[in-house]
């Protein structure tokens, strides 16, 4: 049995209702529950909350997250993979960072080698920005990519651009020292702009940022304290 309720100023009630029904059917299909109650809300305190009692489930989910059915089912039934360690291999569930990094070498001014791996999931949700990648060290460089990008909705070409950006920090090291240290100097910016996906990547991340923030928040809220 599926019960759906809407609470608050949900922008599109009919669409939210249909998505909640689809989510309920997916949860019933796991065989873990006989009764699923889905409440779609518009609050700003949490993206996802749920409570399971024997064969029933009560799930409260924000309207901007309710369409992420696969992620929500994985969170509820505990089927999501564990967060990779900082130095984990680059083979994610969707994107293989080693293969991506190799393909991006062609766009660099000269080859830049580094261990490219998925980073750890954060314990605090971001507000307006996400740091998608970080480059650590120089001689033994390590690049960590935010695990929120290891998802079917994130195109490989965008992951490639993020990896390229971090590899470029190795190919074109920062200049200056202390407060005058420039990570993205004129040479860096000029080479970065030659990447064939530069403009499309910048536009995509602006559109996708709210959903990525919600996905991180949903994972954190569902995992609990």
N, C-alpha and C. Protein backbone atom coordinates (compact mmCIF):
# COMPACT_ATOMS: atom_id res chain seq x y z
N UNK A 1 0.84 -1.19 0.00
CA UNK A 1 0.00 0.00 0.00
C UNK A 1 0.87 1.24 0.00
N UNK A 2 0.48 2.25 -0.78
CA UNK A 2 1.21 3.51 -0.86
C UNK A 2 0.28 4.64 -0.43
N UNK A 3 0.75 5.47 0.46
CA UNK A 3 0.01 6.67 0.86
C UNK A 3 0.88 7.88 0.57
N UNK A 4 0.32 8.88 -0.08
CA UNK A 4 1.06 10.09 -0.45
C UNK A 4 0.38 11.30 0.15
N UNK A 5 1.19 12.22 0.66
CA UNK A 5 0.67 13.48 1.19
C UNK A 5 1.60 14.61 0.77
N UNK A 6 1.02 15.79 0.54
CA UNK A 6 1.80 16.98 0.20
C UNK A 6 1.67 17.98 1.34
N UNK A 7 2.80 18.60 1.68
CA UNK A 7 2.80 19.56 2.79
C UNK A 7 3.55 20.82 2.39
N UNK A 8 2.97 21.96 2.65
CA UNK A 8 3.64 23.21 2.34
C UNK A 8 3.42 23.63 0.90
N UNK A 9 4.17 24.66 0.48
CA UNK A 9 4.00 25.25 -0.84
C UNK A 9 4.82 24.49 -1.88
N UNK A 10 4.37 23.27 -2.20
CA UNK A 10 5.03 22.47 -3.24
C UNK A 10 4.67 23.08 -4.60
N UNK A 11 5.67 23.47 -5.42
CA UNK A 11 5.40 24.22 -6.65
C UNK A 11 4.43 23.54 -7.61
N UNK A 12 4.64 22.25 -7.90
CA UNK A 12 3.75 21.54 -8.82
C UNK A 12 3.18 20.33 -8.10
N UNK A 13 1.96 20.49 -7.58
CA UNK A 13 1.37 19.43 -6.76
C UNK A 13 1.16 18.14 -7.54
N UNK A 14 0.66 18.24 -8.77
CA UNK A 14 0.38 17.02 -9.55
C UNK A 14 1.66 16.28 -9.89
N UNK A 15 2.70 17.02 -10.27
CA UNK A 15 3.97 16.38 -10.60
C UNK A 15 4.60 15.75 -9.36
N UNK A 16 4.57 16.48 -8.24
CA UNK A 16 5.12 15.94 -7.00
C UNK A 16 4.36 14.68 -6.58
N UNK A 17 3.04 14.69 -6.76
CA UNK A 17 2.22 13.52 -6.41
C UNK A 17 2.63 12.30 -7.24
N UNK A 18 2.79 12.52 -8.55
CA UNK A 18 3.17 11.41 -9.43
C UNK A 18 4.55 10.88 -9.07
N UNK A 19 5.48 11.78 -8.78
CA UNK A 19 6.83 11.35 -8.43
C UNK A 19 6.85 10.60 -7.11
N UNK A 20 6.02 11.04 -6.16
CA UNK A 20 5.94 10.35 -4.87
C UNK A 20 5.35 8.95 -5.05
N UNK A 21 4.36 8.82 -5.93
CA UNK A 21 3.78 7.51 -6.21
C UNK A 21 4.83 6.59 -6.84
N UNK A 22 5.63 7.12 -7.77
CA UNK A 22 6.68 6.33 -8.40
C UNK A 22 7.73 5.90 -7.38
N UNK A 23 8.06 6.82 -6.47
CA UNK A 23 9.01 6.49 -5.40
C UNK A 23 8.44 5.39 -4.50
N UNK A 24 7.16 5.51 -4.15
CA UNK A 24 6.51 4.50 -3.31
C UNK A 24 6.52 3.13 -3.97
N UNK A 25 6.24 3.09 -5.28
CA UNK A 25 6.25 1.81 -5.99
C UNK A 25 7.64 1.19 -6.00
N UNK A 26 8.65 2.03 -6.18
CA UNK A 26 10.03 1.53 -6.19
C UNK A 26 10.42 0.97 -4.82
N UNK A 27 9.95 1.62 -3.75
CA UNK A 27 10.26 1.13 -2.41
C UNK A 27 9.52 -0.17 -2.11
N UNK A 28 8.27 -0.28 -2.56
CA UNK A 28 7.54 -1.54 -2.37
C UNK A 28 8.20 -2.68 -3.14
N UNK A 29 8.75 -2.34 -4.30
CA UNK A 29 9.37 -3.36 -5.14
C UNK A 29 10.61 -3.98 -4.50
N UNK A 30 11.19 -3.32 -3.51
CA UNK A 30 12.36 -3.89 -2.84
C UNK A 30 11.99 -5.09 -1.98
N UNK A 31 10.68 -5.23 -1.65
CA UNK A 31 10.24 -6.32 -0.82
C UNK A 31 10.47 -6.11 0.67
N UNK A 32 10.95 -4.93 1.04
CA UNK A 32 11.25 -4.65 2.44
C UNK A 32 10.04 -4.12 3.20
N UNK A 33 9.05 -3.58 2.48
CA UNK A 33 7.92 -2.93 3.14
C UNK A 33 6.60 -3.37 2.53
N UNK A 34 5.56 -3.37 3.38
CA UNK A 34 4.19 -3.61 2.92
C UNK A 34 3.42 -2.29 2.80
N UNK A 35 3.83 -1.31 3.60
CA UNK A 35 3.18 0.00 3.60
C UNK A 35 4.25 1.08 3.46
N UNK A 36 4.07 1.97 2.51
CA UNK A 36 5.00 3.08 2.30
C UNK A 36 4.20 4.38 2.31
N UNK A 37 4.55 5.27 3.23
CA UNK A 37 3.91 6.58 3.31
C UNK A 37 4.93 7.64 2.92
N UNK A 38 4.65 8.35 1.83
CA UNK A 38 5.57 9.36 1.31
C UNK A 38 4.95 10.75 1.51
N UNK A 39 5.66 11.60 2.19
CA UNK A 39 5.20 12.98 2.43
C UNK A 39 6.16 13.93 1.72
N UNK A 40 5.66 14.66 0.73
CA UNK A 40 6.48 15.61 -0.02
C UNK A 40 6.32 16.99 0.60
N UNK A 41 7.43 17.61 0.98
CA UNK A 41 7.36 18.89 1.67
C UNK A 41 8.14 19.97 0.94
N UNK A 42 8.05 21.17 1.46
CA UNK A 42 8.78 22.32 0.90
C UNK A 42 9.56 23.03 1.99
N UNK A 43 9.90 22.31 3.07
CA UNK A 43 10.61 22.98 4.16
C UNK A 43 12.08 23.18 3.80
N UNK A 44 12.77 23.97 4.58
CA UNK A 44 14.18 24.29 4.33
C UNK A 44 15.08 23.72 5.43
N UNK A 45 14.56 22.80 6.23
CA UNK A 45 15.36 22.27 7.34
C UNK A 45 16.07 20.98 6.96
N UNK A 46 15.41 20.12 6.20
CA UNK A 46 16.04 18.86 5.84
C UNK A 46 15.49 18.39 4.50
N UNK A 47 16.33 17.67 3.74
CA UNK A 47 15.91 17.18 2.43
C UNK A 47 15.18 15.86 2.53
N UNK A 48 15.66 14.98 3.44
CA UNK A 48 15.08 13.64 3.56
C UNK A 48 15.08 13.21 5.02
N UNK A 49 13.96 12.67 5.46
CA UNK A 49 13.88 12.00 6.76
C UNK A 49 13.00 10.77 6.61
N UNK A 50 13.36 9.69 7.28
CA UNK A 50 12.51 8.50 7.19
C UNK A 50 12.62 7.68 8.47
N UNK A 51 11.57 6.86 8.67
CA UNK A 51 11.52 5.97 9.82
C UNK A 51 10.85 4.67 9.39
N UNK A 52 11.51 3.57 9.66
CA UNK A 52 10.98 2.26 9.30
C UNK A 52 10.61 1.49 10.56
N UNK A 53 9.38 0.95 10.57
CA UNK A 53 8.90 0.13 11.68
C UNK A 53 8.43 -1.20 11.12
N UNK A 54 9.22 -2.23 11.37
CA UNK A 54 8.91 -3.57 10.85
C UNK A 54 8.68 -3.51 9.34
N UNK A 55 7.43 -3.62 8.88
CA UNK A 55 7.16 -3.68 7.45
C UNK A 55 6.57 -2.39 6.89
N UNK A 56 6.66 -1.30 7.65
CA UNK A 56 6.13 -0.02 7.16
C UNK A 56 7.23 1.03 7.14
N UNK A 57 7.05 2.00 6.27
CA UNK A 57 8.03 3.08 6.11
C UNK A 57 7.32 4.41 6.05
N UNK A 58 7.82 5.38 6.80
CA UNK A 58 7.36 6.76 6.71
C UNK A 58 8.52 7.60 6.20
N UNK A 59 8.32 8.23 5.07
CA UNK A 59 9.39 8.98 4.39
C UNK A 59 8.92 10.41 4.11
N UNK A 60 9.70 11.38 4.59
CA UNK A 60 9.43 12.79 4.30
C UNK A 60 10.56 13.30 3.42
N UNK A 61 10.21 13.84 2.26
CA UNK A 61 11.22 14.22 1.28
C UNK A 61 10.88 15.57 0.65
N UNK A 62 11.90 16.39 0.43
CA UNK A 62 11.70 17.69 -0.19
C UNK A 62 11.31 17.52 -1.66
N UNK A 63 10.49 18.42 -2.17
CA UNK A 63 10.00 18.28 -3.55
C UNK A 63 11.10 18.32 -4.59
N UNK A 64 12.24 18.95 -4.28
CA UNK A 64 13.33 19.02 -5.24
C UNK A 64 14.15 17.72 -5.27
N UNK A 65 13.90 16.84 -4.33
CA UNK A 65 14.67 15.60 -4.23
C UNK A 65 13.83 14.38 -4.62
N UNK A 66 12.51 14.50 -4.57
CA UNK A 66 11.64 13.33 -4.69
C UNK A 66 11.82 12.59 -6.02
N UNK A 67 12.28 13.27 -7.07
CA UNK A 67 12.46 12.60 -8.35
C UNK A 67 13.73 11.74 -8.40
N UNK A 68 14.60 11.86 -7.42
CA UNK A 68 15.84 11.08 -7.39
C UNK A 68 15.55 9.69 -6.78
N UNK A 69 14.76 8.92 -7.47
CA UNK A 69 14.21 7.68 -6.93
C UNK A 69 15.30 6.67 -6.58
N UNK A 70 16.24 6.45 -7.49
CA UNK A 70 17.28 5.44 -7.22
C UNK A 70 18.10 5.80 -5.99
N UNK A 71 18.47 7.08 -5.86
CA UNK A 71 19.25 7.51 -4.70
C UNK A 71 18.46 7.32 -3.41
N UNK A 72 17.19 7.68 -3.44
CA UNK A 72 16.37 7.59 -2.23
C UNK A 72 16.15 6.14 -1.81
N UNK A 73 15.90 5.27 -2.77
CA UNK A 73 15.72 3.85 -2.44
C UNK A 73 17.00 3.30 -1.82
N UNK A 74 18.15 3.65 -2.41
CA UNK A 74 19.43 3.16 -1.88
C UNK A 74 19.66 3.65 -0.46
N UNK A 75 19.30 4.90 -0.19
CA UNK A 75 19.48 5.45 1.15
C UNK A 75 18.57 4.76 2.17
N UNK A 76 17.33 4.54 1.78
CA UNK A 76 16.35 3.97 2.71
C UNK A 76 16.67 2.52 3.06
N UNK A 77 17.02 1.74 2.06
CA UNK A 77 17.26 0.32 2.33
C UNK A 77 18.71 0.03 2.69
N UNK A 78 19.54 1.09 2.75
CA UNK A 78 20.93 0.89 3.14
C UNK A 78 21.75 0.23 2.07
N UNK A 79 21.33 0.40 0.82
CA UNK A 79 22.06 -0.26 -0.25
C UNK A 79 23.07 0.61 -0.95
N UNK A 80 23.24 1.85 -0.49
CA UNK A 80 24.23 2.70 -1.14
C UNK A 80 25.62 2.25 -0.78
N UNK A 81 26.59 2.36 -1.71
CA UNK A 81 27.94 1.91 -1.43
C UNK A 81 28.60 2.79 -0.39
N UNK A 82 29.52 2.27 0.40
CA UNK A 82 30.21 3.08 1.39
C UNK A 82 31.05 4.17 0.73
N UNK A 83 31.20 5.28 1.43
CA UNK A 83 32.01 6.37 0.89
C UNK A 83 33.44 5.91 0.72
N UNK A 84 34.04 6.19 -0.45
CA UNK A 84 35.40 5.75 -0.67
C UNK A 84 36.39 6.54 0.17
N UNK A 85 37.48 5.93 0.52
CA UNK A 85 38.54 6.63 1.24
C UNK A 85 39.18 7.65 0.31
N UNK A 86 39.89 8.60 0.89
CA UNK A 86 40.47 9.68 0.11
C UNK A 86 41.40 9.16 -0.98
N UNK A 87 42.11 8.08 -0.72
CA UNK A 87 43.06 7.56 -1.69
C UNK A 87 42.53 6.31 -2.39
N UNK A 88 41.21 6.18 -2.48
CA UNK A 88 40.61 5.01 -3.12
C UNK A 88 40.90 5.03 -4.62
N UNK A 89 40.87 3.87 -5.28
CA UNK A 89 41.06 3.84 -6.73
C UNK A 89 40.02 4.70 -7.42
N UNK A 90 40.35 5.11 -8.65
CA UNK A 90 39.46 6.03 -9.36
C UNK A 90 38.27 5.39 -10.00
N UNK A 91 38.10 4.08 -9.90
CA UNK A 91 36.97 3.42 -10.52
C UNK A 91 35.74 3.58 -9.63
N UNK A 92 34.85 4.49 -10.02
CA UNK A 92 33.63 4.70 -9.26
C UNK A 92 32.53 3.79 -9.76
N UNK A 93 31.33 3.99 -9.26
CA UNK A 93 30.20 3.18 -9.70
C UNK A 93 29.74 3.58 -11.09
N UNK A 94 30.06 4.81 -11.53
CA UNK A 94 29.66 5.29 -12.85
C UNK A 94 30.88 5.71 -13.68
N UNK A 95 31.75 6.54 -13.11
CA UNK A 95 32.87 7.10 -13.86
C UNK A 95 34.20 6.52 -13.40
N UNK A 96 35.06 6.16 -14.34
CA UNK A 96 36.40 5.65 -14.06
C UNK A 96 37.37 6.81 -14.21
N UNK A 97 37.86 7.33 -13.10
CA UNK A 97 38.70 8.52 -13.12
C UNK A 97 40.04 8.28 -13.81
N UNK A 98 40.57 7.07 -13.71
CA UNK A 98 41.84 6.78 -14.37
C UNK A 98 41.70 6.93 -15.88
N UNK A 99 40.62 6.39 -16.42
CA UNK A 99 40.37 6.49 -17.86
C UNK A 99 40.09 7.93 -18.27
N UNK A 100 39.34 8.64 -17.42
CA UNK A 100 39.04 10.04 -17.70
C UNK A 100 40.32 10.87 -17.71
N UNK A 101 41.17 10.68 -16.72
CA UNK A 101 42.43 11.44 -16.63
C UNK A 101 43.32 11.18 -17.84
N UNK A 102 43.37 9.93 -18.28
CA UNK A 102 44.20 9.59 -19.44
C UNK A 102 43.69 10.30 -20.69
N UNK A 103 42.37 10.35 -20.85
CA UNK A 103 41.77 10.99 -22.03
C UNK A 103 42.00 12.50 -22.03
N UNK A 104 42.11 13.09 -20.83
CA UNK A 104 42.25 14.55 -20.75
C UNK A 104 43.68 15.03 -21.00
N UNK A 105 44.65 14.13 -21.02
CA UNK A 105 46.04 14.53 -21.21
C UNK A 105 46.26 15.29 -22.51
N UNK A 106 45.46 14.97 -23.52
CA UNK A 106 45.65 15.58 -24.84
C UNK A 106 45.45 17.10 -24.82
N UNK A 107 44.66 17.59 -23.86
CA UNK A 107 44.35 19.01 -23.83
C UNK A 107 45.34 19.83 -22.98
N UNK A 108 46.26 19.15 -22.32
CA UNK A 108 47.23 19.84 -21.47
C UNK A 108 48.42 20.32 -22.29
N UNK A 109 49.09 21.39 -21.84
CA UNK A 109 50.28 21.87 -22.56
C UNK A 109 51.41 20.85 -22.54
N UNK A 110 51.46 20.01 -21.52
CA UNK A 110 52.38 18.88 -21.46
C UNK A 110 51.82 17.88 -20.44
N UNK A 111 52.21 16.61 -20.53
CA UNK A 111 51.61 15.58 -19.65
C UNK A 111 51.75 15.92 -18.17
N UNK A 112 50.72 15.62 -17.41
CA UNK A 112 50.72 15.85 -15.96
C UNK A 112 50.20 14.59 -15.30
N UNK A 113 51.05 13.94 -14.53
CA UNK A 113 50.69 12.68 -13.89
C UNK A 113 50.29 12.90 -12.44
N UNK A 114 49.27 12.17 -12.01
CA UNK A 114 48.81 12.26 -10.62
C UNK A 114 47.91 11.06 -10.32
N UNK A 115 47.79 10.73 -9.05
CA UNK A 115 46.80 9.75 -8.62
C UNK A 115 45.46 10.48 -8.57
N UNK A 116 44.52 10.06 -9.39
CA UNK A 116 43.21 10.70 -9.45
C UNK A 116 42.20 9.76 -8.80
N UNK A 117 41.58 10.19 -7.72
CA UNK A 117 40.69 9.31 -6.96
C UNK A 117 39.46 10.08 -6.49
N UNK A 118 38.47 9.33 -6.04
CA UNK A 118 37.27 9.94 -5.47
C UNK A 118 37.54 10.34 -4.03
N UNK A 119 37.10 11.51 -3.64
CA UNK A 119 37.27 11.97 -2.27
C UNK A 119 36.19 11.41 -1.36
N UNK A 120 36.21 11.85 -0.12
CA UNK A 120 35.22 11.41 0.85
C UNK A 120 33.96 12.27 0.77
N UNK A 121 32.85 11.67 1.12
CA UNK A 121 31.62 12.44 1.22
C UNK A 121 31.75 13.41 2.40
N UNK A 122 31.29 14.64 2.24
CA UNK A 122 31.37 15.60 3.35
C UNK A 122 30.37 15.26 4.45
N UNK A 123 30.62 15.78 5.63
CA UNK A 123 29.70 15.57 6.76
C UNK A 123 28.80 16.78 6.98
N UNK A 124 29.04 17.83 6.23
CA UNK A 124 28.21 19.04 6.33
C UNK A 124 27.79 19.45 4.93
N UNK A 125 26.51 19.76 4.77
CA UNK A 125 25.99 20.12 3.46
C UNK A 125 26.47 21.50 3.04
N UNK A 126 26.81 21.68 1.76
CA UNK A 126 27.21 23.01 1.27
C UNK A 126 25.99 23.91 1.14
N UNK A 127 26.24 25.21 1.02
CA UNK A 127 25.14 26.16 0.88
C UNK A 127 25.00 26.63 -0.57
N UNK A 128 26.02 27.27 -1.10
CA UNK A 128 25.91 27.84 -2.44
C UNK A 128 26.98 27.34 -3.40
N UNK A 129 27.97 26.63 -2.92
CA UNK A 129 29.06 26.21 -3.79
C UNK A 129 29.57 24.84 -3.37
N UNK A 130 30.15 24.14 -4.32
CA UNK A 130 30.77 22.84 -4.08
C UNK A 130 32.16 22.87 -4.69
N UNK A 131 33.14 22.40 -3.94
CA UNK A 131 34.48 22.27 -4.50
C UNK A 131 34.55 20.89 -5.14
N UNK A 132 34.50 20.85 -6.48
CA UNK A 132 34.41 19.59 -7.18
C UNK A 132 35.73 18.83 -7.24
N UNK A 133 36.85 19.51 -7.08
CA UNK A 133 38.13 18.83 -7.15
C UNK A 133 39.18 19.56 -6.35
N UNK A 134 40.23 18.83 -6.00
CA UNK A 134 41.36 19.41 -5.26
C UNK A 134 42.63 18.71 -5.71
N UNK A 135 43.69 19.48 -5.88
CA UNK A 135 44.98 18.95 -6.27
C UNK A 135 45.94 19.13 -5.10
N UNK A 136 46.49 18.04 -4.61
CA UNK A 136 47.36 18.06 -3.44
C UNK A 136 48.76 17.60 -3.82
N UNK A 137 49.77 18.35 -3.36
CA UNK A 137 51.14 17.97 -3.63
C UNK A 137 51.59 18.35 -5.02
N UNK A 138 52.84 18.05 -5.35
CA UNK A 138 53.38 18.37 -6.67
C UNK A 138 54.17 17.19 -7.23
N UNK A 139 55.28 16.80 -6.55
CA UNK A 139 56.08 15.68 -7.03
C UNK A 139 55.27 14.39 -7.03
N UNK A 140 54.53 14.14 -5.93
CA UNK A 140 53.64 12.99 -5.83
C UNK A 140 52.21 13.52 -5.74
N UNK A 141 51.75 14.10 -6.81
CA UNK A 141 50.46 14.78 -6.79
C UNK A 141 49.29 13.80 -6.66
N UNK A 142 48.28 14.25 -5.94
CA UNK A 142 47.04 13.48 -5.78
C UNK A 142 45.87 14.41 -6.04
N UNK A 143 44.97 13.96 -6.89
CA UNK A 143 43.78 14.73 -7.22
C UNK A 143 42.57 14.00 -6.67
N UNK A 144 41.74 14.72 -5.92
CA UNK A 144 40.53 14.14 -5.35
C UNK A 144 39.31 14.82 -5.96
N UNK A 145 38.40 14.01 -6.44
CA UNK A 145 37.19 14.50 -7.09
C UNK A 145 36.00 14.24 -6.18
N UNK A 146 35.12 15.23 -6.07
CA UNK A 146 33.95 15.10 -5.19
C UNK A 146 33.08 13.93 -5.63
N UNK A 147 32.73 13.02 -4.71
CA UNK A 147 31.96 11.83 -5.08
C UNK A 147 30.55 12.11 -5.58
N UNK A 148 30.03 13.32 -5.35
CA UNK A 148 28.69 13.62 -5.86
C UNK A 148 28.66 13.57 -7.39
N UNK A 149 29.85 13.67 -8.02
CA UNK A 149 29.91 13.62 -9.48
C UNK A 149 29.88 12.20 -10.03
N UNK A 150 30.02 11.20 -9.16
CA UNK A 150 29.96 9.81 -9.60
C UNK A 150 28.50 9.36 -9.62
N UNK A 151 27.78 9.86 -10.61
CA UNK A 151 26.34 9.64 -10.68
C UNK A 151 25.91 9.65 -12.14
N UNK A 152 24.90 8.84 -12.51
CA UNK A 152 24.47 8.77 -13.91
C UNK A 152 24.02 10.10 -14.50
N UNK A 153 23.55 11.04 -13.67
CA UNK A 153 23.08 12.32 -14.20
C UNK A 153 24.22 13.28 -14.50
N UNK A 154 25.44 12.92 -14.11
CA UNK A 154 26.60 13.78 -14.37
C UNK A 154 27.33 13.26 -15.61
N UNK A 155 27.38 14.03 -16.68
CA UNK A 155 28.01 13.55 -17.91
C UNK A 155 29.51 13.34 -17.75
N UNK A 156 30.03 12.36 -18.46
CA UNK A 156 31.46 12.06 -18.39
C UNK A 156 32.29 13.24 -18.85
N UNK A 157 31.80 13.97 -19.85
CA UNK A 157 32.59 15.09 -20.34
C UNK A 157 32.74 16.18 -19.27
N UNK A 158 31.75 16.30 -18.36
CA UNK A 158 31.90 17.29 -17.29
C UNK A 158 32.92 16.80 -16.26
N UNK A 159 32.87 15.52 -15.90
CA UNK A 159 33.88 14.98 -14.99
C UNK A 159 35.26 15.16 -15.60
N UNK A 160 35.36 14.96 -16.92
CA UNK A 160 36.63 15.15 -17.61
C UNK A 160 37.14 16.57 -17.48
N UNK A 161 36.24 17.55 -17.60
CA UNK A 161 36.68 18.93 -17.48
C UNK A 161 37.18 19.24 -16.07
N UNK A 162 36.51 18.70 -15.04
CA UNK A 162 36.96 18.91 -13.66
C UNK A 162 38.34 18.30 -13.45
N UNK A 163 38.54 17.07 -13.98
CA UNK A 163 39.85 16.43 -13.86
C UNK A 163 40.91 17.23 -14.62
N UNK A 164 40.55 17.70 -15.81
CA UNK A 164 41.48 18.55 -16.59
C UNK A 164 41.89 19.78 -15.80
N UNK A 165 40.93 20.43 -15.17
CA UNK A 165 41.22 21.64 -14.38
C UNK A 165 42.25 21.34 -13.29
N UNK A 166 42.07 20.20 -12.61
CA UNK A 166 43.02 19.86 -11.54
C UNK A 166 44.38 19.44 -12.10
N UNK A 167 44.40 18.73 -13.20
CA UNK A 167 45.66 18.36 -13.83
C UNK A 167 46.41 19.60 -14.31
N UNK A 168 45.67 20.60 -14.71
CA UNK A 168 46.29 21.84 -15.19
C UNK A 168 47.06 22.54 -14.08
N UNK A 169 46.65 22.32 -12.84
CA UNK A 169 47.39 22.89 -11.71
C UNK A 169 48.79 22.28 -11.61
N UNK A 170 48.94 21.04 -12.10
CA UNK A 170 50.25 20.40 -12.11
C UNK A 170 51.06 20.89 -13.30
N UNK A 171 50.40 20.98 -14.47
CA UNK A 171 51.07 21.44 -15.67
C UNK A 171 51.49 22.91 -15.57
N UNK A 172 50.65 23.71 -14.91
CA UNK A 172 50.96 25.14 -14.72
C UNK A 172 50.87 25.44 -13.23
N UNK A 173 51.95 25.27 -12.49
CA UNK A 173 51.93 25.44 -11.03
C UNK A 173 51.58 26.87 -10.63
N UNK A 174 51.10 27.05 -9.40
CA UNK A 174 50.80 28.40 -8.90
C UNK A 174 52.05 29.28 -8.92
N UNK A 175 51.84 30.56 -9.05
CA UNK A 175 52.93 31.52 -9.05
C UNK A 175 52.85 32.39 -7.80
N UNK A 176 53.99 32.95 -7.38
CA UNK A 176 54.02 33.82 -6.22
C UNK A 176 54.07 33.05 -4.92
N UNK A 177 53.99 33.80 -3.82
CA UNK A 177 54.09 33.20 -2.50
C UNK A 177 53.10 33.89 -1.55
N UNK A 178 52.73 33.17 -0.49
CA UNK A 178 51.86 33.74 0.55
C UNK A 178 50.57 34.27 -0.02
N UNK A 179 50.21 35.50 0.39
CA UNK A 179 48.96 36.10 -0.06
C UNK A 179 48.99 36.46 -1.54
N UNK A 180 50.18 36.53 -2.12
CA UNK A 180 50.31 36.86 -3.53
C UNK A 180 50.35 35.61 -4.42
N UNK A 181 50.14 34.45 -3.80
CA UNK A 181 50.16 33.19 -4.54
C UNK A 181 48.92 33.10 -5.43
N UNK A 182 49.13 32.92 -6.73
CA UNK A 182 48.03 32.89 -7.69
C UNK A 182 47.82 31.47 -8.22
N UNK A 183 46.67 30.89 -7.91
CA UNK A 183 46.36 29.54 -8.39
C UNK A 183 45.88 29.55 -9.83
N UNK A 184 45.15 30.60 -10.20
CA UNK A 184 44.58 30.69 -11.54
C UNK A 184 45.07 31.96 -12.21
N UNK A 185 46.37 31.97 -12.51
CA UNK A 185 46.96 33.13 -13.17
C UNK A 185 46.54 33.25 -14.62
N UNK A 186 47.03 34.28 -15.31
CA UNK A 186 46.65 34.51 -16.72
C UNK A 186 46.96 33.31 -17.62
N UNK A 187 48.13 32.69 -17.45
CA UNK A 187 48.48 31.55 -18.29
C UNK A 187 47.52 30.38 -18.04
N UNK A 188 47.23 30.14 -16.77
CA UNK A 188 46.31 29.05 -16.41
C UNK A 188 44.95 29.30 -17.04
N UNK A 189 44.43 30.52 -16.87
CA UNK A 189 43.10 30.84 -17.39
C UNK A 189 43.05 30.72 -18.91
N UNK A 190 44.12 31.14 -19.58
CA UNK A 190 44.15 31.09 -21.05
C UNK A 190 44.13 29.65 -21.56
N UNK A 191 44.92 28.76 -20.92
CA UNK A 191 44.95 27.36 -21.34
C UNK A 191 43.63 26.67 -21.00
N UNK A 192 43.08 26.96 -19.83
CA UNK A 192 41.81 26.34 -19.44
C UNK A 192 40.71 26.67 -20.45
N UNK A 193 40.72 27.89 -20.95
CA UNK A 193 39.67 28.32 -21.88
C UNK A 193 39.78 27.63 -23.24
N UNK A 194 40.92 26.96 -23.52
CA UNK A 194 41.06 26.26 -24.80
C UNK A 194 40.43 24.87 -24.76
N UNK A 195 40.03 24.41 -23.58
CA UNK A 195 39.41 23.08 -23.49
C UNK A 195 38.10 23.09 -24.28
N UNK A 196 37.86 22.07 -25.09
CA UNK A 196 36.66 22.08 -25.95
C UNK A 196 35.34 22.10 -25.19
N UNK A 197 35.35 21.70 -23.93
CA UNK A 197 34.10 21.69 -23.16
C UNK A 197 34.03 22.84 -22.16
N UNK A 198 34.92 23.80 -22.28
CA UNK A 198 35.01 24.88 -21.28
C UNK A 198 33.68 25.59 -21.07
N UNK A 199 33.11 26.12 -22.14
CA UNK A 199 31.88 26.91 -22.00
C UNK A 199 30.69 26.03 -21.62
N UNK A 200 30.61 24.84 -22.21
CA UNK A 200 29.50 23.95 -21.87
C UNK A 200 29.59 23.49 -20.41
N UNK A 201 30.81 23.26 -19.93
CA UNK A 201 30.98 22.82 -18.54
C UNK A 201 30.59 23.91 -17.56
N UNK A 202 30.99 25.14 -17.82
CA UNK A 202 30.63 26.25 -16.94
C UNK A 202 29.11 26.45 -16.90
N UNK A 203 28.48 26.31 -18.04
CA UNK A 203 27.02 26.49 -18.08
C UNK A 203 26.33 25.32 -17.37
N UNK A 204 26.84 24.10 -17.57
CA UNK A 204 26.21 22.93 -16.96
C UNK A 204 26.26 23.00 -15.44
N UNK A 205 27.40 23.40 -14.88
CA UNK A 205 27.52 23.39 -13.42
C UNK A 205 26.63 24.44 -12.77
N UNK A 206 26.35 25.53 -13.47
CA UNK A 206 25.43 26.52 -12.93
C UNK A 206 24.01 25.94 -12.85
N UNK A 207 23.61 25.24 -13.90
CA UNK A 207 22.27 24.63 -13.91
C UNK A 207 22.17 23.47 -12.92
N UNK A 208 23.23 22.69 -12.81
CA UNK A 208 23.17 21.46 -12.01
C UNK A 208 23.45 21.69 -10.53
N UNK A 209 24.04 22.82 -10.16
CA UNK A 209 24.48 23.03 -8.78
C UNK A 209 23.37 22.82 -7.75
N UNK A 210 22.17 23.37 -7.90
CA UNK A 210 21.14 23.15 -6.87
C UNK A 210 20.83 21.68 -6.64
N UNK A 211 20.74 20.89 -7.71
CA UNK A 211 20.46 19.47 -7.56
C UNK A 211 21.59 18.71 -6.90
N UNK A 212 22.84 19.10 -7.19
CA UNK A 212 23.98 18.45 -6.56
C UNK A 212 24.04 18.77 -5.07
N UNK A 213 23.73 20.01 -4.72
CA UNK A 213 23.69 20.40 -3.31
C UNK A 213 22.61 19.59 -2.58
N UNK A 214 21.44 19.45 -3.21
CA UNK A 214 20.36 18.68 -2.60
C UNK A 214 20.74 17.21 -2.42
N UNK A 215 21.48 16.65 -3.39
CA UNK A 215 21.88 15.25 -3.29
C UNK A 215 22.82 15.03 -2.11
N UNK A 216 23.75 15.97 -1.92
CA UNK A 216 24.67 15.86 -0.78
C UNK A 216 23.89 15.98 0.53
N UNK A 217 22.98 16.96 0.59
CA UNK A 217 22.20 17.16 1.81
C UNK A 217 21.33 15.94 2.12
N UNK A 218 20.76 15.33 1.07
CA UNK A 218 19.91 14.16 1.27
C UNK A 218 20.72 13.00 1.87
N UNK A 219 21.92 12.80 1.38
CA UNK A 219 22.76 11.72 1.90
C UNK A 219 23.12 11.98 3.35
N UNK A 220 23.48 13.22 3.67
CA UNK A 220 23.88 13.55 5.04
C UNK A 220 22.71 13.40 6.01
N UNK A 221 21.55 13.93 5.60
CA UNK A 221 20.37 13.86 6.47
C UNK A 221 19.88 12.43 6.68
N UNK A 222 19.97 11.62 5.64
CA UNK A 222 19.52 10.24 5.75
C UNK A 222 20.45 9.39 6.60
N UNK A 223 21.74 9.72 6.58
CA UNK A 223 22.69 8.93 7.36
C UNK A 223 22.57 9.22 8.84
N UNK A 224 22.01 10.40 9.19
CA UNK A 224 21.79 10.74 10.61
C UNK A 224 23.07 11.13 11.30
N UNK A 225 22.97 11.46 12.63
CA UNK A 225 24.13 11.89 13.39
C UNK A 225 25.10 10.74 13.62
